[in-house]
Amino acid sequence: MNNFDYCVPTRVIFGKGTQLEVGKIIRECGFKKVLVHFGGGSVKRSGLLDQVLKALFDEGIEYVQLGGVQANPTLSMAKAGIELCRREGVDFILAVGGGSVIDSAKCIADGTVNPDVDVWKFFEKTAVPEKALPHGNILTLSAAGSETSQSCVITNEDGGLKRGFNSRTHRPLFAICNPELTYTVSKYQTGCGTVDIMMHTLERYLSPTKGTPLTDRIAEGLLKSVLEAGRIADRNPEDYEARATLMWASSLSHNDLTGLGREVLMQVHQMEHEVSGMYPRVAHGAGLSALFCSWARYVCECDVDRFAQLAVRVFNVDMDFENPLKTALAGIQAMEDFCRSLGMPVSLSELDVTDEKFEEMAEKCTFFGKRTLTGIRELGKEDIVNIYRMAL
């Protein structure tokens, strides 16, 4: 087990009706003026935005609004938010939405109080934010885990570069999580979210570090719970317990818990960022679903025992002690079958992604030759292209 430093200071307010407490929570924290940041029309159509604004008004808290965040949130939107926060003297950012809105809010928070630094430099890792505007969220989509994580991912439209970085400034002050708010999430987006949750833990689990039995069991328990809840939510979108499991798993899967003591390398995430960075129509979870099993088949022979353990403990595959690779591949197939059962793509062609951009995507993924992707198997540009082709 590797050394680790684990701190998740985000307060989680979980359960039915909790969004109605947001005004009181912000007032108790002493904030005076809030940027309410959100995405498309769903928060308006559902009445959630009106509930939030009323809760702020009732507590005497001023607010300004910025909507229009898209899936795969953009740098231009974040810069508009930074300008708005500075101009209006905002002292707190409230994200109302899923991971895209929350990541956009984190980027705005970093940029607002670091006026001498172009916020994109944080994503290029040529600068580090020392401070950020406080921020919190009301979660409406179980997927990214950004509601409690230190991660933030933004797409720079100039060149289609999708980049992320971790920072303690990204830990929200609070996360309000009402599973009922996810009832209206579409079947497709629910599937995308379920896959994204699983990938955050699978990519921690499938790393080269040895000797983490407790972390392994935590990860395996989460994965088995998500498999069950994902199937139920797919059939019955208003099953509260299934939605609650997915929402809580979303946070636990990406707040570092399921990877403690292990290297966290996220090769599939890195490759997917290039897909949805160049094809913004591709939902992140769908891109992960299309790539994961091809990646797993490409690297699994470098750690057959690990993949076989996953197959046995999570997917209930019988262990073939004479041929553990057979067990490992059966587990990968079980994951692929699960993705299919949710209507998720298991190939890039299902996302209308062709091979014409593979070389460019792989070049970007290596940061134009400046890095390889370390992991169970080290991946260079040629390997990344090969995996894209396998996934076609």
Protein backbone atom coordinates (compact mmCIF):
# COMPACT_ATOMS: atom_id res chain seq x y z
CA MET A 1 0.00 0.00 0.00
CA ASN A 2 1.32 3.44 -0.96
CA ASN A 3 1.34 6.43 1.40
CA PHE A 4 -1.67 8.71 1.01
CA ASP A 5 -3.11 12.01 2.22
CA TYR A 6 -6.90 11.79 2.40
CA CYS A 7 -9.12 14.76 3.23
CA VAL A 8 -12.66 15.26 1.94
CA PRO A 9 -14.00 18.35 3.71
CA THR A 10 -17.20 18.64 1.68
CA ARG A 11 -20.35 18.58 3.78
CA VAL A 12 -22.92 16.24 2.19
CA ILE A 13 -26.60 17.00 2.80
CA PHE A 14 -28.36 13.91 1.47
CA GLY A 15 -32.02 13.00 1.03
CA LYS A 16 -35.49 14.07 0.04
CA GLY A 17 -36.24 17.79 -0.07
CA THR A 18 -32.71 18.83 0.90
CA GLN A 19 -32.47 21.37 -1.94
CA LEU A 20 -34.90 23.55 0.01
CA GLU A 21 -32.25 24.08 2.70
CA VAL A 22 -29.76 25.80 0.40
CA GLY A 23 -30.59 29.39 1.39
CA LYS A 24 -30.26 28.63 5.09
CA ILE A 25 -26.97 26.78 4.56
CA ILE A 26 -25.42 29.63 2.58
CA ARG A 27 -26.65 32.25 5.06
CA GLU A 28 -25.16 30.29 7.97
CA CYS A 29 -21.82 30.32 6.14
CA GLY A 30 -21.98 34.11 5.97
CA PHE A 31 -22.02 34.62 2.19
CA LYS A 32 -23.81 37.66 0.81
CA LYS A 33 -23.93 37.37 -2.99
CA VAL A 34 -24.14 34.16 -5.00
CA LEU A 35 -23.57 33.21 -8.61
CA VAL A 36 -26.20 30.58 -9.44
CA HIS A 37 -24.64 28.53 -12.23
CA PHE A 38 -26.63 25.97 -14.22
CA GLY A 39 -26.98 24.22 -17.56
CA GLY A 40 -29.91 23.96 -19.93
CA GLY A 41 -33.63 24.20 -19.51
CA SER A 42 -34.21 21.15 -17.31
CA VAL A 43 -33.62 22.99 -14.03
CA LYS A 44 -36.16 25.57 -15.16
CA ARG A 45 -38.74 23.09 -16.45
CA SER A 46 -38.54 21.00 -13.29
CA GLY A 47 -39.04 24.02 -11.07
CA LEU A 48 -35.74 23.43 -9.28
CA LEU A 49 -34.24 26.77 -10.27
CA ASP A 50 -37.28 28.62 -8.92
CA GLN A 51 -36.97 26.69 -5.65
CA VAL A 52 -33.32 27.65 -5.35
CA LEU A 53 -33.86 31.33 -6.11
CA LYS A 54 -36.74 31.50 -3.63
CA ALA A 55 -34.63 29.86 -0.94
CA LEU A 56 -31.93 32.49 -1.48
CA PHE A 57 -34.44 35.35 -1.55
CA ASP A 58 -36.12 34.18 1.65
CA GLU A 59 -32.77 34.34 3.45
CA GLY A 60 -31.95 37.80 2.09
CA ILE A 61 -29.11 36.56 -0.11
CA GLU A 62 -28.42 38.45 -3.35
CA TYR A 63 -27.73 36.44 -6.49
CA VAL A 64 -26.88 36.66 -10.18
CA GLN A 65 -27.48 33.87 -12.68
CA LEU A 66 -25.41 32.27 -15.42
CA GLY A 67 -26.97 29.40 -17.35
CA GLY A 68 -26.14 27.57 -20.54
CA VAL A 69 -23.40 25.16 -19.45
CA GLN A 70 -23.17 22.33 -21.97
CA ALA A 71 -21.98 18.77 -21.62
CA ASN A 72 -18.17 18.86 -21.83
CA PRO A 73 -18.07 22.37 -20.30
CA THR A 74 -16.12 25.02 -22.14
CA LEU A 75 -13.39 27.47 -21.25
CA SER A 76 -15.31 30.33 -22.86
CA MET A 77 -18.29 29.78 -20.54
CA ALA A 78 -15.99 29.67 -17.51
CA LYS A 79 -14.30 32.91 -18.55
CA ALA A 80 -17.71 34.56 -18.90
CA GLY A 81 -18.47 33.43 -15.35
CA ILE A 82 -15.15 34.75 -14.05
CA GLU A 83 -15.87 38.17 -15.55
CA LEU A 84 -19.39 38.16 -14.11
CA CYS A 85 -18.23 37.22 -10.61
CA ARG A 86 -15.59 39.94 -10.55
CA ARG A 87 -17.96 42.57 -11.90
CA GLU A 88 -20.78 41.70 -9.49
CA GLY A 89 -18.67 41.14 -6.37
CA VAL A 90 -19.84 37.55 -5.96
CA ASP A 91 -18.49 35.79 -2.85
CA PHE A 92 -19.92 32.29 -3.42
CA ILE A 93 -20.74 30.07 -6.42
CA LEU A 94 -23.66 27.66 -6.35
CA ALA A 95 -23.67 25.04 -9.10
CA VAL A 96 -27.08 23.55 -9.83
CA GLY A 97 -26.66 20.55 -12.12
CA GLY A 98 -24.37 17.63 -12.87
CA GLY A 99 -20.64 17.29 -13.27
CA SER A 100 -20.37 19.67 -16.22
CA VAL A 101 -21.96 22.53 -14.28
CA ILE A 102 -19.93 21.75 -11.16
CA ASP A 103 -16.66 21.64 -13.11
CA SER A 104 -17.50 24.92 -14.79
CA ALA A 105 -18.17 26.42 -11.35
CA LYS A 106 -14.81 25.14 -10.07
CA CYS A 107 -13.01 26.73 -12.99
CA ILE A 108 -14.82 30.01 -12.36
CA ALA A 109 -13.90 29.78 -8.67
CA ASP A 110 -10.22 29.31 -9.51
CA GLY A 111 -10.16 32.14 -12.03
CA THR A 112 -12.12 34.75 -10.10
CA VAL A 113 -9.62 35.23 -7.28
CA ASN A 114 -6.47 34.75 -9.36
CA PRO A 115 -6.83 37.71 -11.71
CA ASP A 116 -3.17 37.76 -12.79
CA VAL A 117 -3.25 34.21 -14.18
CA ASP A 118 -4.99 32.94 -17.32
CA VAL A 119 -7.16 30.17 -15.89
CA TRP A 120 -6.20 27.80 -18.73
CA LYS A 121 -2.64 27.73 -17.35
CA PHE A 122 -3.97 25.69 -14.43
CA PHE A 123 -5.12 23.02 -16.87
CA GLU A 124 -1.81 23.17 -18.72
CA LYS A 125 -0.19 22.67 -15.30
CA THR A 126 2.05 25.70 -15.77
CA ALA A 127 0.41 27.46 -12.81
CA VAL A 128 -1.27 26.35 -9.57
CA PRO A 129 -4.25 28.05 -7.92
CA GLU A 130 -3.37 29.00 -4.36
CA LYS A 131 -6.94 29.99 -3.53
CA ALA A 132 -10.43 29.94 -5.01
CA LEU A 133 -13.85 31.41 -4.43
CA PRO A 134 -15.89 29.17 -2.12
CA HIS A 135 -18.41 27.01 -3.97
CA GLY A 136 -21.07 24.39 -3.38
CA ASN A 137 -23.60 22.47 -5.43
CA ILE A 138 -27.04 20.95 -5.75
CA LEU A 139 -26.54 17.71 -7.66
CA THR A 140 -28.99 16.68 -10.39
CA LEU A 141 -27.08 13.86 -12.13
CA SER A 142 -25.28 10.89 -10.59
CA ALA A 143 -22.15 10.46 -12.67
CA ALA A 144 -19.02 12.57 -12.45
CA GLY A 145 -18.51 12.65 -8.69
CA SER A 146 -17.44 16.27 -9.02
CA GLU A 147 -19.79 17.17 -6.17
CA THR A 148 -17.13 16.09 -3.63
CA SER A 149 -13.99 15.54 -5.72
CA GLN A 150 -10.86 17.61 -6.22
CA SER A 151 -11.06 17.12 -10.00
CA CYS A 152 -12.07 19.64 -12.66
CA VAL A 153 -12.20 19.05 -16.44
CA ILE A 154 -12.72 21.79 -19.04
CA THR A 155 -12.64 21.85 -22.86
CA ASN A 156 -10.75 24.61 -24.63
CA GLU A 157 -12.62 25.09 -27.90
CA ASP A 158 -9.43 26.40 -29.48
CA GLY A 159 -8.00 23.09 -30.68
CA GLY A 160 -10.61 20.88 -29.01
CA LEU A 161 -8.35 20.25 -26.01
CA LYS A 162 -10.09 18.65 -23.03
CA ARG A 163 -7.91 18.84 -19.94
CA GLY A 164 -8.30 18.35 -16.21
CA PHE A 165 -6.35 18.87 -13.03
CA ASN A 166 -6.76 18.16 -9.34
CA SER A 167 -6.60 20.81 -6.65
CA ARG A 168 -7.78 21.17 -3.08
CA THR A 169 -9.44 24.38 -4.22
CA HIS A 170 -11.90 22.14 -6.08
CA ARG A 171 -13.40 20.52 -2.99
CA PRO A 172 -16.88 22.05 -2.67
CA LEU A 173 -17.94 23.51 0.66
CA PHE A 174 -21.13 21.47 0.52
CA ALA A 175 -23.03 19.11 -1.78
CA ILE A 176 -26.81 18.86 -1.60
CA CYS A 177 -27.83 15.45 -2.91
CA ASN A 178 -31.53 14.65 -3.32
CA PRO A 179 -31.96 11.44 -5.35
CA GLU A 180 -35.46 12.55 -6.37
CA LEU A 181 -33.90 15.26 -8.53
CA THR A 182 -32.51 12.50 -10.80
CA TYR A 183 -35.92 10.90 -11.54
CA THR A 184 -36.28 12.88 -14.77
CA VAL A 185 -32.79 12.11 -16.07
CA SER A 186 -33.16 10.31 -19.40
CA LYS A 187 -32.52 6.59 -19.76
CA TYR A 188 -29.45 7.32 -21.90
CA GLN A 189 -27.94 9.83 -19.47
CA THR A 190 -28.68 7.52 -16.55
CA GLY A 191 -26.71 4.82 -18.36
CA CYS A 192 -23.87 7.25 -19.06
CA GLY A 193 -23.79 8.19 -15.40
CA THR A 194 -23.79 4.59 -14.22
CA VAL A 195 -20.82 3.79 -16.47
CA ASP A 196 -18.93 6.91 -15.38
CA ILE A 197 -19.38 6.01 -11.71
CA MET A 198 -18.03 2.52 -12.33
CA MET A 199 -15.08 3.78 -14.37
CA HIS A 200 -13.91 6.09 -11.59
CA THR A 201 -13.49 3.05 -9.38
CA LEU A 202 -12.43 0.54 -12.05
CA GLU A 203 -9.56 2.79 -13.14
CA ARG A 204 -8.39 3.03 -9.54
CA TYR A 205 -8.77 -0.72 -9.03
CA LEU A 206 -6.95 -1.68 -12.22
CA SER A 207 -3.61 -0.09 -11.42
CA PRO A 208 -0.24 -1.74 -10.76
CA THR A 209 -0.10 -1.14 -6.98
CA LYS A 210 -0.22 -4.26 -4.82
CA GLY A 211 -1.20 -4.87 -1.21
CA THR A 212 -4.45 -2.93 -0.78
CA PRO A 213 -6.96 -5.57 0.40
CA LEU A 214 -9.24 -3.20 2.32
CA THR A 215 -9.38 -0.64 -0.50
CA ASP A 216 -10.05 -3.50 -2.91
CA ARG A 217 -13.05 -4.66 -0.91
CA ILE A 218 -14.44 -1.13 -0.68
CA ALA A 219 -14.10 -0.77 -4.45
CA GLU A 220 -15.64 -4.18 -5.15
CA GLY A 221 -18.60 -3.45 -2.89
CA LEU A 222 -19.26 -0.16 -4.63
CA LEU A 223 -19.04 -1.75 -8.08
CA LYS A 224 -21.45 -4.55 -7.17
CA SER A 225 -23.90 -2.04 -5.70
CA VAL A 226 -23.77 0.11 -8.83
CA LEU A 227 -24.30 -2.90 -11.08
CA GLU A 228 -27.51 -3.71 -9.20
CA ALA A 229 -28.75 -0.15 -8.82
CA GLY A 230 -27.96 0.67 -12.45
CA ARG A 231 -30.12 -2.21 -13.66
CA ILE A 232 -32.99 -1.19 -11.39
CA ALA A 233 -32.86 2.52 -12.30
CA ASP A 234 -32.76 1.57 -15.97
CA ARG A 235 -36.06 -0.32 -15.57
CA ASN A 236 -37.69 1.97 -13.01
CA PRO A 237 -36.37 5.55 -13.09
CA GLU A 238 -38.30 6.49 -9.93
CA ASP A 239 -36.95 3.75 -7.68
CA TYR A 240 -35.69 5.91 -4.82
CA GLU A 241 -33.28 3.38 -3.31
CA ALA A 242 -31.61 2.68 -6.66
CA ARG A 243 -31.28 6.39 -7.39
CA ALA A 244 -29.94 6.98 -3.88
CA THR A 245 -27.33 4.25 -4.30
CA LEU A 246 -26.17 5.72 -7.60
CA MET A 247 -26.00 9.23 -6.17
CA TRP A 248 -23.97 8.22 -3.13
CA ALA A 249 -21.75 5.96 -5.22
CA SER A 250 -21.09 8.90 -7.57
CA SER A 251 -19.48 10.80 -4.70
CA LEU A 252 -17.60 7.88 -3.15
CA SER A 253 -16.25 6.66 -6.48
CA HIS A 254 -14.42 9.90 -7.26
CA ASN A 255 -13.56 11.42 -3.89
CA ASP A 256 -10.46 9.15 -3.73
CA LEU A 257 -11.89 6.59 -1.26
CA THR A 258 -11.91 3.64 -3.66
CA GLY A 259 -8.28 4.14 -4.64
CA LEU A 260 -6.56 4.87 -1.32
CA GLY A 261 -3.04 3.46 -1.24
CA ARG A 262 -3.04 2.82 -4.99
CA GLU A 263 -1.65 4.73 -7.95
CA VAL A 264 -4.45 6.51 -9.80
CA LEU A 265 -3.61 6.62 -13.50
CA MET A 266 -6.92 6.83 -15.42
CA GLN A 267 -5.69 5.75 -18.87
CA VAL A 268 -9.19 5.27 -20.28
CA HIS A 269 -10.27 8.68 -19.01
CA GLN A 270 -7.25 10.28 -20.67
CA MET A 271 -8.04 8.61 -24.00
CA GLU A 272 -11.73 9.48 -23.73
CA HIS A 273 -10.99 13.15 -23.11
CA GLU A 274 -9.56 13.32 -26.62
CA VAL A 275 -12.71 11.74 -28.05
CA SER A 276 -15.22 14.09 -26.42
CA GLY A 277 -12.81 17.01 -26.73
CA MET A 278 -12.83 16.66 -30.52
CA TYR A 279 -16.42 15.39 -30.72
CA PRO A 280 -18.33 17.48 -28.14
CA ARG A 281 -21.57 15.66 -28.96
CA VAL A 282 -20.13 12.54 -27.28
CA ALA A 283 -21.20 12.22 -23.65
CA HIS A 284 -18.26 11.40 -21.40
CA GLY A 285 -19.85 8.24 -20.00
CA ALA A 286 -20.68 7.00 -23.48
CA GLY A 287 -17.09 7.55 -24.60
CA LEU A 288 -15.81 5.59 -21.60
CA SER A 289 -18.24 2.77 -22.36
CA ALA A 290 -17.03 2.64 -25.96
CA LEU A 291 -13.35 2.45 -24.96
CA PHE A 292 -13.07 0.55 -21.71
CA CYS A 293 -13.38 -3.05 -22.82
CA SER A 294 -11.01 -2.61 -25.77
CA TRP A 295 -8.47 -1.03 -23.40
CA ALA A 296 -8.95 -3.85 -20.89
CA ARG A 297 -8.38 -6.53 -23.52
CA TYR A 298 -5.26 -4.70 -24.72
CA VAL A 299 -3.61 -4.47 -21.28
CA CYS A 300 -5.02 -7.39 -19.25
CA GLU A 301 -2.27 -9.89 -20.03
CA CYS A 302 0.15 -7.61 -18.16
CA ASP A 303 -1.76 -8.30 -14.91
CA VAL A 304 -4.00 -11.30 -15.51
CA ASP A 305 -4.49 -11.97 -11.79
CA ARG A 306 -5.89 -8.50 -11.18
CA PHE A 307 -8.41 -8.73 -13.98
CA ALA A 308 -9.33 -12.27 -12.92
CA GLN A 309 -9.92 -11.06 -9.35
CA LEU A 310 -12.26 -8.37 -10.70
CA ALA A 311 -14.12 -10.97 -12.77
CA VAL A 312 -14.63 -13.31 -9.83
CA ARG A 313 -15.41 -10.81 -7.08
CA VAL A 314 -17.54 -8.32 -9.01
CA PHE A 315 -18.99 -10.17 -11.99
CA ASN A 316 -19.35 -13.59 -10.31
CA VAL A 317 -17.27 -15.40 -12.94
CA ASP A 318 -16.04 -18.86 -11.89
CA MET A 319 -12.28 -18.92 -11.51
CA ASP A 320 -10.42 -21.08 -14.04
CA PHE A 321 -7.21 -21.81 -12.16
CA GLU A 322 -5.68 -23.55 -15.17
CA ASN A 323 -6.40 -20.59 -17.44
CA PRO A 324 -6.79 -17.35 -15.44
CA LEU A 325 -6.68 -15.32 -18.66
CA LYS A 326 -9.94 -16.99 -19.66
CA THR A 327 -11.45 -15.78 -16.38
CA ALA A 328 -10.10 -12.25 -16.91
CA LEU A 329 -11.54 -12.04 -20.43
CA ALA A 330 -14.90 -13.38 -19.19
CA GLY A 331 -15.02 -10.53 -16.68
CA ILE A 332 -14.32 -7.97 -19.40
CA GLN A 333 -17.07 -9.53 -21.49
CA ALA A 334 -19.45 -9.30 -18.52
CA MET A 335 -18.74 -5.57 -18.26
CA GLU A 336 -19.35 -5.16 -21.98
CA ASP A 337 -22.65 -7.04 -21.69
CA PHE A 338 -23.69 -4.81 -18.79
CA CYS A 339 -22.98 -1.66 -20.79
CA ARG A 340 -25.02 -3.03 -23.68
CA SER A 341 -27.89 -3.83 -21.34
CA LEU A 342 -28.09 -0.14 -20.43
CA GLY A 343 -28.10 0.91 -24.09
CA MET A 344 -24.54 2.17 -23.84
CA PRO A 345 -22.16 2.03 -26.84
CA VAL A 346 -19.34 -0.51 -26.75
CA SER A 347 -17.60 0.80 -29.86
CA LEU A 348 -16.60 4.19 -31.22
CA SER A 349 -18.47 3.54 -34.45
CA GLU A 350 -21.72 3.60 -32.45
CA LEU A 351 -20.82 7.21 -31.60
CA ASP A 352 -20.11 8.05 -35.25
CA VAL A 353 -16.41 8.44 -34.47
CA THR A 354 -14.25 7.32 -37.40
CA ASP A 355 -10.57 6.50 -37.66
CA GLU A 356 -9.67 9.72 -39.48
CA LYS A 357 -8.87 11.50 -36.19
CA PHE A 358 -7.17 8.64 -34.34
CA GLU A 359 -3.61 9.79 -35.01
CA GLU A 360 -4.45 13.34 -33.96
CA MET A 361 -6.28 12.19 -30.84
CA ALA A 362 -3.38 9.96 -29.82
CA GLU A 363 -0.92 12.79 -30.43
CA LYS A 364 -2.95 15.07 -28.18
CA CYS A 365 -3.27 12.33 -25.58
CA THR A 366 0.53 12.12 -25.33
CA PHE A 367 0.62 15.92 -24.97
CA PHE A 368 2.28 16.07 -28.37
CA GLY A 369 4.93 13.53 -27.50
CA LYS A 370 5.72 14.84 -24.01
CA ARG A 371 4.29 11.89 -22.07
CA THR A 372 3.26 8.25 -22.12
CA LEU A 373 0.33 6.91 -20.12
CA THR A 374 1.69 4.87 -17.22
CA GLY A 375 -0.30 1.99 -15.81
CA ILE A 376 -0.58 -1.80 -15.85
CA ARG A 377 0.87 -1.43 -19.34
CA GLU A 378 2.62 1.75 -20.40
CA LEU A 379 0.90 3.26 -23.42
CA GLY A 380 2.59 5.38 -26.06
CA LYS A 381 1.07 6.95 -29.11
CA GLU A 382 1.08 3.73 -31.15
CA ASP A 383 -0.63 1.83 -28.33
CA ILE A 384 -3.31 4.50 -27.99
CA VAL A 385 -4.00 4.39 -31.72
CA ASN A 386 -4.23 0.60 -31.52
CA ILE A 387 -6.82 0.81 -28.73
CA TYR A 388 -8.87 3.37 -30.64
CA ARG A 389 -8.82 0.98 -33.63
CA MET A 390 -9.80 -1.99 -31.47
CA ALA A 391 -12.70 0.07 -30.15
CA LEU A 392 -13.90 0.97 -33.65
